[in-house]
Amino acid sequence: MELQRRRRSLGLAVLVIVFGLVALVCAWGAVNTATRIVYAACGVLALLIGTVLMRDELRPFRFVINADGLTLRDGTTLAWPQVDQIILDEPTPPATSGPHLILQPGDRIVLKLDEVKQPQAQIAEALQRYAGDRFDNRIARRGDRAEFVVVLRGYEPGRVDNLLRRAGDALLSGDPAQRAEARAALEHPDLQVAMRGYDRAQVDAQLRKLAARLTD
């Protein structure tokens, strides 16, 4: 399975370059020196930004998952015996970059899934097929993420997300001390009320549910 890159900024790069060219044309035709300088500066800056965006979008990209192993975007090819573990996980809140693949050994992010066209389920299926026990789908093992209604005078979302992530990691852990610490945090949460936040009744119910699971 060869992944294809999602080129989301290509159109923006073209628009920025066109803007830069238009600004330079305006600078050429300007009669006032100050105006000419402003147009020229804007045009050059836009061309530089557009060129950087274009180069980033058009740079070579290759990521392959198959029976032989992994071919990473930097061109490195790893046979499966060289991989201890490949982990599908989400960043710790408040980061919102989306799911990513973490390679062990090294604990390094080798792919952010929002950069490719293939859906998460398809990538996970390929890794499960070829990597076998080396693949750890932590997103699936945590279970469905709770969705809360956003209301006035609700719990501040960042603190709730961090607490739920901590509890989810503890559920995956076999460490009794980590589970006990997470359960205590759920039973006595340090949450704040925000102008707009998660519905407090829904959050409280979810915290009680997770605390019971950690007790079990």
N, C-alpha and C. Protein backbone atom coordinates (compact mmCIF):
# COMPACT_ATOMS: atom_id res chain seq x y z
N MET A 1 0.85 -1.19 0.00
CA MET A 1 0.00 0.00 0.00
C MET A 1 0.88 1.24 0.00
N GLU A 2 0.76 2.05 -1.04
CA GLU A 2 1.53 3.28 -1.12
C GLU A 2 0.60 4.47 -0.86
N LEU A 3 0.95 5.25 0.13
CA LEU A 3 0.12 6.38 0.52
C LEU A 3 0.35 7.56 -0.42
N GLN A 4 -0.69 8.34 -0.61
CA GLN A 4 -0.62 9.53 -1.46
C GLN A 4 -0.76 10.78 -0.61
N ARG A 5 0.07 11.75 -0.90
CA ARG A 5 0.07 12.95 -0.10
C ARG A 5 -1.15 13.83 -0.41
N ARG A 6 -1.70 14.44 0.62
CA ARG A 6 -2.80 15.39 0.45
C ARG A 6 -2.20 16.78 0.22
N ARG A 7 -2.37 17.31 -0.97
CA ARG A 7 -1.77 18.60 -1.32
C ARG A 7 -2.79 19.72 -1.09
N ARG A 8 -2.92 20.11 0.16
CA ARG A 8 -3.95 21.08 0.54
C ARG A 8 -3.56 22.51 0.27
N SER A 9 -2.25 22.81 0.22
CA SER A 9 -1.81 24.20 0.09
C SER A 9 -1.38 24.56 -1.32
N LEU A 10 -1.57 23.66 -2.27
CA LEU A 10 -1.10 23.94 -3.62
C LEU A 10 -1.86 25.12 -4.23
N GLY A 11 -3.18 25.13 -4.07
CA GLY A 11 -3.97 26.24 -4.61
C GLY A 11 -3.61 27.56 -3.96
N LEU A 12 -3.37 27.53 -2.65
CA LEU A 12 -2.97 28.74 -1.94
C LEU A 12 -1.63 29.25 -2.45
N ALA A 13 -0.70 28.32 -2.70
CA ALA A 13 0.61 28.72 -3.21
C ALA A 13 0.48 29.43 -4.55
N VAL A 14 -0.37 28.90 -5.44
CA VAL A 14 -0.57 29.52 -6.76
C VAL A 14 -1.16 30.91 -6.59
N LEU A 15 -2.15 31.06 -5.71
CA LEU A 15 -2.77 32.38 -5.50
C LEU A 15 -1.77 33.40 -4.96
N VAL A 16 -0.92 32.97 -4.04
CA VAL A 16 0.07 33.88 -3.46
C VAL A 16 1.08 34.33 -4.52
N ILE A 17 1.49 33.40 -5.37
CA ILE A 17 2.43 33.74 -6.44
C ILE A 17 1.80 34.70 -7.43
N VAL A 18 0.54 34.44 -7.80
CA VAL A 18 -0.17 35.34 -8.71
C VAL A 18 -0.29 36.73 -8.10
N PHE A 19 -0.61 36.80 -6.82
CA PHE A 19 -0.69 38.09 -6.14
C PHE A 19 0.65 38.82 -6.20
N GLY A 20 1.74 38.07 -5.99
CA GLY A 20 3.05 38.68 -6.05
C GLY A 20 3.37 39.25 -7.42
N LEU A 21 3.01 38.51 -8.47
CA LEU A 21 3.26 38.99 -9.83
C LEU A 21 2.44 40.25 -10.12
N VAL A 22 1.17 40.24 -9.68
CA VAL A 22 0.31 41.42 -9.89
C VAL A 22 0.89 42.63 -9.16
N ALA A 23 1.38 42.41 -7.93
CA ALA A 23 1.96 43.51 -7.16
C ALA A 23 3.20 44.07 -7.86
N LEU A 24 4.01 43.21 -8.46
CA LEU A 24 5.19 43.69 -9.18
C LEU A 24 4.81 44.48 -10.43
N VAL A 25 3.76 44.03 -11.12
CA VAL A 25 3.28 44.78 -12.29
C VAL A 25 2.79 46.17 -11.86
N CYS A 26 2.07 46.22 -10.74
CA CYS A 26 1.60 47.51 -10.22
C CYS A 26 2.77 48.40 -9.84
N ALA A 27 3.81 47.80 -9.27
CA ALA A 27 5.00 48.58 -8.90
C ALA A 27 5.67 49.16 -10.14
N TRP A 28 5.69 48.38 -11.21
CA TRP A 28 6.31 48.83 -12.46
C TRP A 28 5.57 50.05 -13.02
N GLY A 29 4.23 50.04 -12.86
CA GLY A 29 3.45 51.13 -13.44
C GLY A 29 3.18 52.28 -12.49
N ALA A 30 3.63 52.17 -11.24
CA ALA A 30 3.37 53.23 -10.27
C ALA A 30 4.19 54.47 -10.60
N VAL A 31 3.57 55.65 -10.41
CA VAL A 31 4.27 56.91 -10.69
C VAL A 31 4.90 57.48 -9.43
N ASN A 32 4.38 57.08 -8.29
CA ASN A 32 4.89 57.58 -7.01
C ASN A 32 5.95 56.61 -6.47
N THR A 33 7.09 57.16 -6.06
CA THR A 33 8.19 56.31 -5.61
C THR A 33 7.81 55.47 -4.39
N ALA A 34 7.14 56.11 -3.42
CA ALA A 34 6.76 55.38 -2.21
C ALA A 34 5.80 54.24 -2.53
N THR A 35 4.85 54.53 -3.41
CA THR A 35 3.90 53.48 -3.81
C THR A 35 4.61 52.35 -4.52
N ARG A 36 5.58 52.70 -5.39
CA ARG A 36 6.34 51.68 -6.12
C ARG A 36 7.08 50.77 -5.14
N ILE A 37 7.66 51.38 -4.12
CA ILE A 37 8.42 50.58 -3.14
C ILE A 37 7.50 49.63 -2.38
N VAL A 38 6.32 50.14 -1.98
CA VAL A 38 5.38 49.30 -1.24
C VAL A 38 4.92 48.13 -2.10
N TYR A 39 4.52 48.41 -3.35
CA TYR A 39 4.08 47.34 -4.25
C TYR A 39 5.19 46.33 -4.49
N ALA A 40 6.39 46.84 -4.71
CA ALA A 40 7.52 45.95 -4.99
C ALA A 40 7.83 45.06 -3.79
N ALA A 41 7.81 45.66 -2.59
CA ALA A 41 8.09 44.88 -1.39
C ALA A 41 7.04 43.79 -1.18
N CYS A 42 5.77 44.18 -1.35
CA CYS A 42 4.69 43.19 -1.20
C CYS A 42 4.82 42.08 -2.25
N GLY A 43 5.16 42.46 -3.46
CA GLY A 43 5.29 41.48 -4.53
C GLY A 43 6.41 40.50 -4.28
N VAL A 44 7.56 41.00 -3.87
CA VAL A 44 8.70 40.12 -3.60
C VAL A 44 8.40 39.19 -2.43
N LEU A 45 7.80 39.76 -1.38
CA LEU A 45 7.46 38.93 -0.21
C LEU A 45 6.47 37.83 -0.59
N ALA A 46 5.45 38.19 -1.37
CA ALA A 46 4.45 37.19 -1.78
C ALA A 46 5.09 36.11 -2.64
N LEU A 47 5.99 36.50 -3.53
CA LEU A 47 6.65 35.50 -4.37
C LEU A 47 7.51 34.55 -3.54
N LEU A 48 8.18 35.09 -2.53
CA LEU A 48 8.99 34.23 -1.67
C LEU A 48 8.13 33.23 -0.89
N ILE A 49 7.03 33.76 -0.31
CA ILE A 49 6.14 32.88 0.44
C ILE A 49 5.51 31.83 -0.47
N GLY A 50 5.04 32.26 -1.64
CA GLY A 50 4.43 31.33 -2.58
C GLY A 50 5.40 30.27 -3.06
N THR A 51 6.65 30.66 -3.27
CA THR A 51 7.66 29.70 -3.72
C THR A 51 7.93 28.65 -2.65
N VAL A 52 8.00 29.11 -1.39
CA VAL A 52 8.23 28.17 -0.29
C VAL A 52 7.07 27.19 -0.18
N LEU A 53 5.83 27.71 -0.27
CA LEU A 53 4.65 26.84 -0.20
C LEU A 53 4.63 25.85 -1.37
N MET A 54 4.96 26.34 -2.56
CA MET A 54 4.96 25.49 -3.74
C MET A 54 6.01 24.40 -3.62
N ARG A 55 7.19 24.77 -3.16
CA ARG A 55 8.27 23.78 -3.01
C ARG A 55 7.88 22.72 -1.99
N ASP A 56 7.23 23.16 -0.90
CA ASP A 56 6.81 22.21 0.13
C ASP A 56 5.75 21.25 -0.40
N GLU A 57 4.84 21.75 -1.22
CA GLU A 57 3.78 20.91 -1.76
C GLU A 57 4.27 19.94 -2.82
N LEU A 58 5.28 20.33 -3.58
CA LEU A 58 5.74 19.52 -4.70
C LEU A 58 6.95 18.66 -4.37
N ARG A 59 7.44 18.73 -3.14
CA ARG A 59 8.61 17.91 -2.78
C ARG A 59 8.23 16.43 -2.85
N PRO A 60 9.19 15.58 -3.15
CA PRO A 60 8.90 14.14 -3.28
C PRO A 60 8.32 13.58 -1.98
N PHE A 61 7.36 12.68 -2.13
CA PHE A 61 6.73 12.06 -0.98
C PHE A 61 6.51 10.58 -1.28
N ARG A 62 6.95 9.74 -0.35
CA ARG A 62 6.71 8.31 -0.52
C ARG A 62 6.60 7.66 0.85
N PHE A 63 5.53 6.92 1.06
CA PHE A 63 5.36 6.15 2.28
C PHE A 63 4.64 4.86 1.89
N VAL A 64 5.31 3.75 2.09
CA VAL A 64 4.79 2.45 1.63
C VAL A 64 4.70 1.50 2.81
N ILE A 65 3.58 0.79 2.87
CA ILE A 65 3.37 -0.27 3.85
C ILE A 65 3.10 -1.56 3.07
N ASN A 66 3.98 -2.55 3.18
CA ASN A 66 3.76 -3.81 2.48
C ASN A 66 4.36 -4.97 3.26
N ALA A 67 4.36 -6.13 2.66
CA ALA A 67 4.81 -7.33 3.36
C ALA A 67 6.29 -7.28 3.70
N ASP A 68 7.06 -6.49 2.95
CA ASP A 68 8.50 -6.42 3.20
C ASP A 68 8.85 -5.50 4.36
N GLY A 69 8.00 -4.51 4.65
CA GLY A 69 8.27 -3.57 5.72
C GLY A 69 7.72 -2.20 5.42
N LEU A 70 8.44 -1.17 5.84
CA LEU A 70 8.03 0.21 5.66
C LEU A 70 9.06 0.96 4.82
N THR A 71 8.57 1.78 3.91
CA THR A 71 9.40 2.76 3.22
C THR A 71 8.96 4.12 3.70
N LEU A 72 9.84 4.81 4.43
CA LEU A 72 9.48 6.08 5.05
C LEU A 72 9.64 7.23 4.07
N ARG A 73 9.09 8.39 4.43
CA ARG A 73 9.08 9.54 3.54
C ARG A 73 10.47 10.08 3.26
N ASP A 74 11.46 9.78 4.12
CA ASP A 74 12.82 10.23 3.87
C ASP A 74 13.60 9.26 3.00
N GLY A 75 12.91 8.21 2.49
CA GLY A 75 13.54 7.24 1.61
C GLY A 75 14.07 6.02 2.32
N THR A 76 14.07 6.03 3.65
CA THR A 76 14.57 4.89 4.43
C THR A 76 13.61 3.70 4.29
N THR A 77 14.17 2.51 4.07
CA THR A 77 13.38 1.29 4.01
C THR A 77 13.71 0.43 5.21
N LEU A 78 12.68 0.04 5.96
CA LEU A 78 12.86 -0.78 7.15
C LEU A 78 12.12 -2.09 6.97
N ALA A 79 12.85 -3.21 7.07
CA ALA A 79 12.19 -4.51 7.09
C ALA A 79 11.51 -4.68 8.44
N TRP A 80 10.47 -5.50 8.48
CA TRP A 80 9.71 -5.65 9.71
C TRP A 80 10.55 -6.11 10.90
N PRO A 81 11.57 -6.99 10.70
CA PRO A 81 12.40 -7.35 11.86
C PRO A 81 13.15 -6.17 12.48
N GLN A 82 13.29 -5.06 11.72
CA GLN A 82 13.97 -3.88 12.25
C GLN A 82 13.02 -2.99 13.06
N VAL A 83 11.75 -3.31 13.03
CA VAL A 83 10.73 -2.49 13.71
C VAL A 83 10.28 -3.21 14.97
N ASP A 84 10.48 -2.59 16.12
CA ASP A 84 9.97 -3.17 17.36
C ASP A 84 8.47 -2.98 17.46
N GLN A 85 8.02 -1.77 17.10
CA GLN A 85 6.60 -1.45 17.21
C GLN A 85 6.28 -0.24 16.36
N ILE A 86 5.10 -0.25 15.74
CA ILE A 86 4.59 0.91 15.02
C ILE A 86 3.25 1.26 15.68
N ILE A 87 3.13 2.47 16.20
CA ILE A 87 2.01 2.85 17.03
C ILE A 87 1.14 3.89 16.33
N LEU A 88 -0.16 3.66 16.32
CA LEU A 88 -1.12 4.65 15.84
C LEU A 88 -1.73 5.32 17.06
N ASP A 89 -1.49 6.63 17.18
CA ASP A 89 -1.95 7.33 18.36
C ASP A 89 -2.32 8.76 18.00
N GLU A 90 -2.89 9.46 18.95
CA GLU A 90 -3.22 10.88 18.80
C GLU A 90 -2.30 11.71 19.69
N PRO A 91 -2.05 12.96 19.31
CA PRO A 91 -1.19 13.80 20.16
C PRO A 91 -1.88 14.11 21.48
N THR A 92 -1.07 14.40 22.47
CA THR A 92 -1.61 14.76 23.77
C THR A 92 -2.27 16.14 23.69
N PRO A 93 -3.51 16.28 24.18
CA PRO A 93 -4.15 17.60 24.19
C PRO A 93 -3.29 18.62 24.92
N PRO A 94 -3.29 19.89 24.49
CA PRO A 94 -4.25 20.49 23.55
C PRO A 94 -3.83 20.44 22.09
N ALA A 95 -2.78 19.67 21.75
CA ALA A 95 -2.37 19.57 20.35
C ALA A 95 -3.51 18.99 19.52
N THR A 96 -3.67 19.48 18.30
CA THR A 96 -4.79 19.06 17.45
C THR A 96 -4.32 18.62 16.07
N SER A 97 -3.08 18.13 15.98
CA SER A 97 -2.53 17.78 14.67
C SER A 97 -3.11 16.50 14.11
N GLY A 98 -3.88 15.76 14.90
CA GLY A 98 -4.52 14.56 14.38
C GLY A 98 -3.68 13.32 14.61
N PRO A 99 -4.22 12.14 14.26
CA PRO A 99 -3.52 10.88 14.48
C PRO A 99 -2.17 10.84 13.76
N HIS A 100 -1.23 10.09 14.34
CA HIS A 100 0.07 9.94 13.72
C HIS A 100 0.63 8.56 14.00
N LEU A 101 1.65 8.19 13.23
CA LEU A 101 2.34 6.92 13.42
C LEU A 101 3.66 7.17 14.12
N ILE A 102 3.92 6.40 15.17
CA ILE A 102 5.14 6.52 15.95
C ILE A 102 5.93 5.23 15.79
N LEU A 103 7.20 5.37 15.45
CA LEU A 103 8.05 4.21 15.19
C LEU A 103 8.92 3.92 16.40
N GLN A 104 8.94 2.66 16.79
CA GLN A 104 9.85 2.19 17.83
C GLN A 104 10.80 1.15 17.23
N PRO A 105 12.09 1.20 17.54
CA PRO A 105 12.71 2.09 18.54
C PRO A 105 12.88 3.51 17.99
N GLY A 106 13.06 4.43 18.89
CA GLY A 106 13.29 5.82 18.50
C GLY A 106 12.20 6.76 18.95
N ASP A 107 10.98 6.23 19.16
CA ASP A 107 9.87 7.07 19.60
C ASP A 107 9.71 8.30 18.73
N ARG A 108 9.77 8.12 17.40
CA ARG A 108 9.68 9.27 16.50
C ARG A 108 8.44 9.17 15.62
N ILE A 109 7.85 10.32 15.38
CA ILE A 109 6.68 10.39 14.51
C ILE A 109 7.15 10.30 13.06
N VAL A 110 6.70 9.29 12.34
CA VAL A 110 7.13 9.10 10.95
C VAL A 110 6.05 9.51 9.96
N LEU A 111 4.81 9.70 10.43
CA LEU A 111 3.75 10.12 9.52
C LEU A 111 2.60 10.72 10.30
N LYS A 112 2.10 11.87 9.82
CA LYS A 112 0.85 12.45 10.34
C LYS A 112 -0.25 12.12 9.33
N LEU A 113 -1.29 11.46 9.80
CA LEU A 113 -2.29 10.94 8.89
C LEU A 113 -3.06 12.01 8.16
N ASP A 114 -3.12 13.24 8.70
CA ASP A 114 -3.84 14.29 8.00
C ASP A 114 -3.05 14.80 6.79
N GLU A 115 -1.83 14.28 6.58
CA GLU A 115 -1.04 14.67 5.42
C GLU A 115 -1.28 13.77 4.21
N VAL A 116 -2.02 12.68 4.39
CA VAL A 116 -2.23 11.73 3.29
C VAL A 116 -3.72 11.59 2.97
N LYS A 117 -4.01 11.08 1.78
CA LYS A 117 -5.39 10.96 1.32
C LYS A 117 -6.09 9.73 1.88
N GLN A 118 -5.36 8.67 2.14
CA GLN A 118 -5.99 7.43 2.60
C GLN A 118 -6.59 7.61 3.99
N PRO A 119 -7.78 7.04 4.23
CA PRO A 119 -8.43 7.17 5.54
C PRO A 119 -7.70 6.37 6.61
N GLN A 120 -7.92 6.77 7.83
CA GLN A 120 -7.26 6.13 8.97
C GLN A 120 -7.55 4.63 9.02
N ALA A 121 -8.79 4.24 8.78
CA ALA A 121 -9.17 2.83 8.87
C ALA A 121 -8.39 1.99 7.86
N GLN A 122 -8.18 2.52 6.67
CA GLN A 122 -7.47 1.78 5.62
C GLN A 122 -5.99 1.62 5.99
N ILE A 123 -5.40 2.65 6.56
CA ILE A 123 -4.00 2.58 6.97
C ILE A 123 -3.85 1.58 8.12
N ALA A 124 -4.77 1.64 9.08
CA ALA A 124 -4.73 0.72 10.21
C ALA A 124 -4.88 -0.73 9.75
N GLU A 125 -5.75 -0.95 8.76
CA GLU A 125 -5.95 -2.31 8.24
C GLU A 125 -4.67 -2.84 7.59
N ALA A 126 -4.00 -1.98 6.82
CA ALA A 126 -2.75 -2.41 6.16
C ALA A 126 -1.67 -2.73 7.19
N LEU A 127 -1.56 -1.90 8.22
CA LEU A 127 -0.56 -2.15 9.26
C LEU A 127 -0.88 -3.42 10.03
N GLN A 128 -2.16 -3.66 10.30
CA GLN A 128 -2.54 -4.88 11.01
C GLN A 128 -2.20 -6.11 10.17
N ARG A 129 -2.41 -6.01 8.87
CA ARG A 129 -2.16 -7.15 7.97
C ARG A 129 -0.67 -7.46 7.87
N TYR A 130 0.15 -6.41 7.70
CA TYR A 130 1.56 -6.64 7.42
C TYR A 130 2.44 -6.62 8.67
N ALA A 131 2.12 -5.77 9.63
CA ALA A 131 2.97 -5.67 10.83
C ALA A 131 2.57 -6.65 11.91
N GLY A 132 1.33 -7.09 11.91
CA GLY A 132 0.89 -8.07 12.90
C GLY A 132 0.97 -7.53 14.31
N ASP A 133 1.64 -8.29 15.19
CA ASP A 133 1.73 -7.90 16.59
C ASP A 133 2.59 -6.68 16.81
N ARG A 134 3.34 -6.28 15.81
CA ARG A 134 4.16 -5.07 15.94
C ARG A 134 3.29 -3.80 15.90
N PHE A 135 2.07 -3.92 15.41
CA PHE A 135 1.19 -2.75 15.28
C PHE A 135 0.35 -2.60 16.53
N ASP A 136 0.40 -1.40 17.11
CA ASP A 136 -0.39 -1.08 18.30
C ASP A 136 -1.32 0.08 17.97
N ASN A 137 -2.60 -0.23 17.79
CA ASN A 137 -3.60 0.79 17.49
C ASN A 137 -4.17 1.30 18.81
N ARG A 138 -3.51 2.28 19.39
CA ARG A 138 -3.92 2.77 20.71
C ARG A 138 -5.23 3.55 20.64
N ILE A 139 -5.51 4.14 19.49
CA ILE A 139 -6.78 4.87 19.34
C ILE A 139 -7.94 3.89 19.48
N ALA A 140 -7.83 2.74 18.80
CA ALA A 140 -8.90 1.75 18.87
C ALA A 140 -8.99 1.13 20.27
N ARG A 141 -7.84 0.91 20.89
CA ARG A 141 -7.85 0.27 22.21
C ARG A 141 -8.42 1.19 23.29
N ARG A 142 -8.32 2.50 23.09
CA ARG A 142 -8.93 3.42 24.05
C ARG A 142 -10.46 3.42 23.95
N GLY A 143 -10.97 3.00 22.81
CA GLY A 143 -12.41 3.02 22.62
C GLY A 143 -12.87 4.34 22.03
N ASP A 144 -14.16 4.43 21.78
CA ASP A 144 -14.73 5.64 21.18
C ASP A 144 -14.51 6.84 22.09
N ARG A 145 -14.14 7.94 21.48
CA ARG A 145 -13.93 9.16 22.24
C ARG A 145 -15.28 9.79 22.59
N ALA A 146 -15.42 10.20 23.84
CA ALA A 146 -16.68 10.81 24.27
C ALA A 146 -16.87 12.16 23.60
N GLU A 147 -18.09 12.41 23.14
CA GLU A 147 -18.44 13.69 22.53
C GLU A 147 -19.38 14.43 23.48
N PHE A 148 -18.98 15.64 23.85
CA PHE A 148 -19.77 16.42 24.79
C PHE A 148 -20.40 17.62 24.09
N VAL A 149 -21.58 17.98 24.57
CA VAL A 149 -22.25 19.18 24.07
C VAL A 149 -21.55 20.40 24.65
N VAL A 150 -21.32 21.41 23.81
CA VAL A 150 -20.71 22.66 24.27
C VAL A 150 -21.83 23.60 24.71
N VAL A 151 -21.75 24.07 25.95
CA VAL A 151 -22.81 24.90 26.53
C VAL A 151 -22.18 26.11 27.22
N LEU A 152 -23.02 27.04 27.61
CA LEU A 152 -22.57 28.16 28.42
C LEU A 152 -22.26 27.66 29.83
N ARG A 153 -21.19 28.16 30.41
CA ARG A 153 -20.79 27.81 31.77
C ARG A 153 -20.56 26.31 31.90
N GLY A 154 -19.79 25.77 30.95
CA GLY A 154 -19.42 24.36 31.02
C GLY A 154 -17.96 24.21 31.44
N TYR A 155 -17.52 22.96 31.54
CA TYR A 155 -16.14 22.70 31.91
C TYR A 155 -15.19 23.12 30.79
N GLU A 156 -14.08 23.72 31.17
CA GLU A 156 -13.07 24.15 30.18
C GLU A 156 -12.58 22.93 29.40
N PRO A 157 -12.72 22.91 28.07
CA PRO A 157 -12.45 21.70 27.28
C PRO A 157 -11.03 21.17 27.40
N GLY A 158 -10.02 22.05 27.45
CA GLY A 158 -8.65 21.58 27.48
C GLY A 158 -8.36 20.70 28.68
N ARG A 159 -8.83 21.11 29.85
CA ARG A 159 -8.60 20.33 31.06
C ARG A 159 -9.34 18.98 30.99
N VAL A 160 -10.55 18.99 30.44
CA VAL A 160 -11.30 17.74 30.32
C VAL A 160 -10.59 16.79 29.37
N ASP A 161 -10.15 17.30 28.22
CA ASP A 161 -9.46 16.46 27.24
C ASP A 161 -8.19 15.85 27.82
N ASN A 162 -7.43 16.64 28.56
CA ASN A 162 -6.22 16.12 29.18
C ASN A 162 -6.53 15.04 30.20
N LEU A 163 -7.57 15.25 30.98
CA LEU A 163 -7.95 14.27 32.00
C LEU A 163 -8.41 12.96 31.36
N LEU A 164 -9.20 13.06 30.29
CA LEU A 164 -9.68 11.86 29.61
C LEU A 164 -8.53 11.12 28.93
N ARG A 165 -7.59 11.87 28.37
CA ARG A 165 -6.44 11.23 27.74
C ARG A 165 -5.61 10.49 28.80
N ARG A 166 -5.44 11.11 29.94
CA ARG A 166 -4.69 10.47 31.02
C ARG A 166 -5.37 9.18 31.47
N ALA A 167 -6.69 9.24 31.58
CA ALA A 167 -7.43 8.04 31.98
C ALA A 167 -7.34 6.96 30.91
N GLY A 168 -7.43 7.37 29.63
CA GLY A 168 -7.32 6.40 28.55
C GLY A 168 -5.98 5.71 28.53
N ASP A 169 -4.91 6.45 28.75
CA ASP A 169 -3.58 5.85 28.80
C ASP A 169 -3.45 4.89 29.98
N ALA A 170 -4.06 5.26 31.11
CA ALA A 170 -4.01 4.38 32.28
C ALA A 170 -4.76 3.08 32.02
N LEU A 171 -5.87 3.16 31.28
CA LEU A 171 -6.62 1.94 30.96
C LEU A 171 -5.79 0.99 30.09
N LEU A 172 -4.92 1.55 29.25
CA LEU A 172 -4.07 0.72 28.41
C LEU A 172 -2.88 0.16 29.18
N SER A 173 -2.59 0.77 30.31
CA SER A 173 -1.40 0.39 31.08
C SER A 173 -1.73 -0.76 32.04
N GLY A 174 -0.74 -1.59 32.26
CA GLY A 174 -0.89 -2.64 33.25
C GLY A 174 -0.30 -2.24 34.59
N ASP A 175 0.06 -0.99 34.72
CA ASP A 175 0.70 -0.50 35.94
C ASP A 175 -0.37 -0.12 36.97
N PRO A 176 -0.50 -0.84 38.07
CA PRO A 176 -1.53 -0.53 39.07
C PRO A 176 -1.38 0.88 39.64
N ALA A 177 -0.14 1.35 39.81
CA ALA A 177 0.08 2.68 40.38
C ALA A 177 -0.45 3.75 39.42
N GLN A 178 -0.21 3.58 38.11
CA GLN A 178 -0.69 4.56 37.14
C GLN A 178 -2.22 4.56 37.09
N ARG A 179 -2.81 3.39 37.17
CA ARG A 179 -4.27 3.30 37.14
C ARG A 179 -4.88 3.94 38.39
N ALA A 180 -4.25 3.70 39.54
CA ALA A 180 -4.76 4.28 40.79
C ALA A 180 -4.63 5.80 40.78
N GLU A 181 -3.53 6.30 40.23
CA GLU A 181 -3.32 7.75 40.16
C GLU A 181 -4.34 8.39 39.24
N ALA A 182 -4.61 7.75 38.10
CA ALA A 182 -5.60 8.29 37.17
C ALA A 182 -7.00 8.24 37.76
N ARG A 183 -7.30 7.17 38.49
CA ARG A 183 -8.63 7.05 39.12
C ARG A 183 -8.83 8.15 40.15
N ALA A 184 -7.79 8.43 40.92
CA ALA A 184 -7.89 9.50 41.92
C ALA A 184 -8.12 10.85 41.24
N ALA A 185 -7.47 11.07 40.10
CA ALA A 185 -7.67 12.32 39.37
C ALA A 185 -9.09 12.43 38.83
N LEU A 186 -9.69 11.30 38.46
CA LEU A 186 -11.07 11.31 37.97
C LEU A 186 -12.06 11.56 39.11
N GLU A 187 -11.76 11.01 40.26
CA GLU A 187 -12.68 11.14 41.39
C GLU A 187 -12.60 12.53 42.02
N HIS A 188 -11.47 13.20 41.87
CA HIS A 188 -11.31 14.56 42.40
C HIS A 188 -10.70 15.44 41.30
N PRO A 189 -11.46 15.69 40.24
CA PRO A 189 -10.91 16.39 39.06
C PRO A 189 -10.67 17.87 39.34
N ASP A 190 -9.59 18.37 38.77
CA ASP A 190 -9.27 19.79 38.86
C ASP A 190 -9.78 20.47 37.59
N LEU A 191 -11.09 20.72 37.55
CA LEU A 191 -11.73 21.30 36.37
C LEU A 191 -12.18 22.72 36.66
N GLN A 192 -12.21 23.51 35.60
CA GLN A 192 -12.64 24.90 35.72
C GLN A 192 -13.84 25.15 34.82
N VAL A 193 -14.68 26.07 35.23
CA VAL A 193 -15.85 26.44 34.44
C VAL A 193 -15.47 27.59 33.52
N ALA A 194 -15.79 27.45 32.24
CA ALA A 194 -15.49 28.47 31.24
C ALA A 194 -16.78 29.08 30.73
N MET A 195 -16.66 30.20 30.02
CA MET A 195 -17.84 30.83 29.44
C MET A 195 -18.56 29.87 28.51
N ARG A 196 -17.79 29.15 27.68
CA ARG A 196 -18.35 28.10 26.84
C ARG A 196 -17.48 26.86 27.04
N GLY A 197 -18.11 25.76 27.41
CA GLY A 197 -17.35 24.55 27.68
C GLY A 197 -18.22 23.32 27.57
N TYR A 198 -17.65 22.18 27.97
CA TYR A 198 -18.37 20.92 27.89
C TYR A 198 -19.46 20.85 28.96
N ASP A 199 -20.59 20.26 28.56
CA ASP A 199 -21.71 20.09 29.49
C ASP A 199 -21.23 19.36 30.74
N ARG A 200 -21.45 19.98 31.90
CA ARG A 200 -20.88 19.46 33.14
C ARG A 200 -21.49 18.11 33.54
N ALA A 201 -22.79 17.94 33.34
CA ALA A 201 -23.43 16.68 33.70
C ALA A 201 -22.88 15.53 32.85
N GLN A 202 -22.67 15.78 31.54
CA GLN A 202 -22.13 14.74 30.66
C GLN A 202 -20.70 14.38 31.05
N VAL A 203 -19.91 15.40 31.35
CA VAL A 203 -18.52 15.14 31.74
C VAL A 203 -18.46 14.36 33.04
N ASP A 204 -19.24 14.78 34.03
CA ASP A 204 -19.24 14.09 35.32
C ASP A 204 -19.61 12.62 35.16
N ALA A 205 -20.60 12.34 34.31
CA ALA A 205 -21.02 10.96 34.09
C ALA A 205 -19.90 10.15 33.44
N GLN A 206 -19.20 10.76 32.48
CA GLN A 206 -18.10 10.07 31.81
C GLN A 206 -16.94 9.81 32.78
N LEU A 207 -16.67 10.75 33.64
CA LEU A 207 -15.59 10.56 34.62
C LEU A 207 -15.93 9.42 35.59
N ARG A 208 -17.17 9.35 36.02
CA ARG A 208 -17.56 8.25 36.91
C ARG A 208 -17.43 6.90 36.19
N LYS A 209 -17.79 6.89 34.93
CA LYS A 209 -17.71 5.64 34.15
C LYS A 209 -16.25 5.19 34.02
N LEU A 210 -15.36 6.13 33.71
CA LEU A 210 -13.95 5.76 33.56
C LEU A 210 -13.34 5.36 34.89
N ALA A 211 -13.73 6.02 35.97
CA ALA A 211 -13.20 5.67 37.28
C ALA A 211 -13.60 4.24 37.65
N ALA A 212 -14.84 3.86 37.30
CA ALA A 212 -15.30 2.50 37.57
C ALA A 212 -14.49 1.48 36.75
N ARG A 213 -14.19 1.82 35.50
CA ARG A 213 -13.39 0.91 34.66
C ARG A 213 -11.97 0.77 35.21
N LEU A 214 -11.42 1.85 35.71
CA LEU A 214 -10.08 1.76 36.28
C LEU A 214 -10.09 0.98 37.58
N THR A 215 -11.18 1.03 38.32
CA THR A 215 -11.30 0.23 39.53
C THR A 215 -11.33 -1.25 39.19
N ASP A 216 -12.08 -1.60 38.14
CA ASP A 216 -12.15 -3.00 37.71
C ASP A 216 -10.80 -3.50 37.24
